[in-house]
């Protein structure tokens, strides 16, 4: 089984899917190819980079997505 980790915001306005095709257009971490960072609709990651503490209940959670080998969708070669 393949495992992907999704870093998803807690308490965001909309519900995130622990998948690459989430509405927030998550980005793959260049250092950790199995880690996908989701974008919060309230832009909390920008405030955190500026050193502003998150509001209570607005943290992050890591969710593992397991994909069975026969369920994988192969992307066409270009």
Protein backbone atom coordinates (compact mmCIF):
# COMPACT_ATOMS: atom_id res chain seq x y z
CA UNK A 1 0.00 0.00 0.00
CA UNK A 2 1.08 3.52 -0.72
CA UNK A 3 0.69 6.12 2.02
CA UNK A 4 0.21 9.85 1.59
CA UNK A 5 0.05 12.28 4.50
CA UNK A 6 -2.25 15.29 4.36
CA UNK A 7 -1.75 18.30 6.64
CA UNK A 8 -5.29 19.69 6.93
CA UNK A 9 -6.53 22.77 8.85
CA UNK A 10 -8.91 22.13 11.76
CA UNK A 11 -12.03 24.27 11.97
CA UNK A 12 -11.76 25.69 8.45
CA UNK A 13 -14.81 27.19 6.74
CA UNK A 14 -15.16 24.30 4.25
CA UNK A 15 -14.47 20.59 4.70
CA UNK A 16 -11.24 19.29 3.17
CA UNK A 17 -10.82 15.95 1.43
CA UNK A 18 -7.68 14.01 2.38
CA UNK A 19 -6.81 13.68 -1.29
CA UNK A 20 -4.74 15.50 -3.91
CA UNK A 21 -7.95 16.70 -5.59
CA UNK A 22 -9.22 18.75 -2.62
CA UNK A 23 -10.93 22.11 -3.39
CA UNK A 24 -8.03 24.00 -1.74
CA UNK A 25 -5.46 22.83 -4.33
CA UNK A 26 -2.99 21.30 -1.86
CA UNK A 27 0.70 21.40 -2.69
CA UNK A 28 3.21 18.62 -2.37
CA UNK A 29 6.03 19.25 0.07
CA UNK A 30 9.26 19.33 -2.01
CA UNK A 31 11.28 17.74 0.81
CA UNK A 32 8.73 15.04 1.61
CA UNK A 33 7.03 13.83 -1.57
CA UNK A 34 4.42 11.86 0.38
CA UNK A 35 3.24 14.98 2.30
CA UNK A 36 0.49 17.23 0.93
CA UNK A 37 -0.14 20.62 2.55
CA UNK A 38 -3.71 21.88 2.31
CA UNK A 39 -4.55 25.60 2.22
CA UNK A 40 -6.90 27.08 4.80
CA UNK A 41 -9.67 29.32 3.51
CA UNK A 42 -9.03 31.69 6.44
CA UNK A 43 -5.35 32.06 5.36
CA UNK A 44 -4.05 31.04 8.80
CA UNK A 45 -0.76 29.79 7.36
CA UNK A 46 0.15 33.37 6.35
CA UNK A 47 -0.49 34.62 9.89
CA UNK A 48 1.54 31.73 11.34
CA UNK A 49 4.51 32.59 9.09
CA UNK A 50 4.35 36.13 10.52
CA UNK A 51 4.54 34.75 14.06
CA UNK A 52 0.90 35.44 14.96
CA UNK A 53 -0.53 32.67 17.14
CA UNK A 54 -3.46 30.67 15.82
CA UNK A 55 -6.89 31.15 17.31
CA UNK A 56 -8.02 28.39 19.69
CA UNK A 57 -9.38 25.42 17.74
CA UNK A 58 -7.66 26.49 14.50
CA UNK A 59 -4.73 24.13 14.41
CA UNK A 60 -3.70 21.46 11.95
CA UNK A 61 -4.15 17.70 11.78
CA UNK A 62 -2.20 15.07 9.85
CA UNK A 63 -4.32 12.46 8.11
CA UNK A 64 -2.90 9.39 6.37
CA UNK A 65 -4.38 8.30 3.06
CA UNK A 66 -3.69 4.67 2.20
CA UNK A 67 -4.02 3.61 -1.42
CA UNK A 68 -4.10 -0.05 -2.35
CA UNK A 69 -1.89 -0.87 -5.37
CA UNK A 70 -4.86 -1.94 -7.50
CA UNK A 71 -6.76 1.30 -6.70
CA UNK A 72 -4.03 3.63 -7.90
CA UNK A 73 -4.81 5.80 -10.88
CA UNK A 74 -1.85 6.04 -13.21
CA UNK A 75 -1.25 9.41 -14.78
CA UNK A 76 -0.68 9.32 -18.53
CA UNK A 77 2.90 9.76 -19.63
CA UNK A 78 3.65 12.95 -21.49
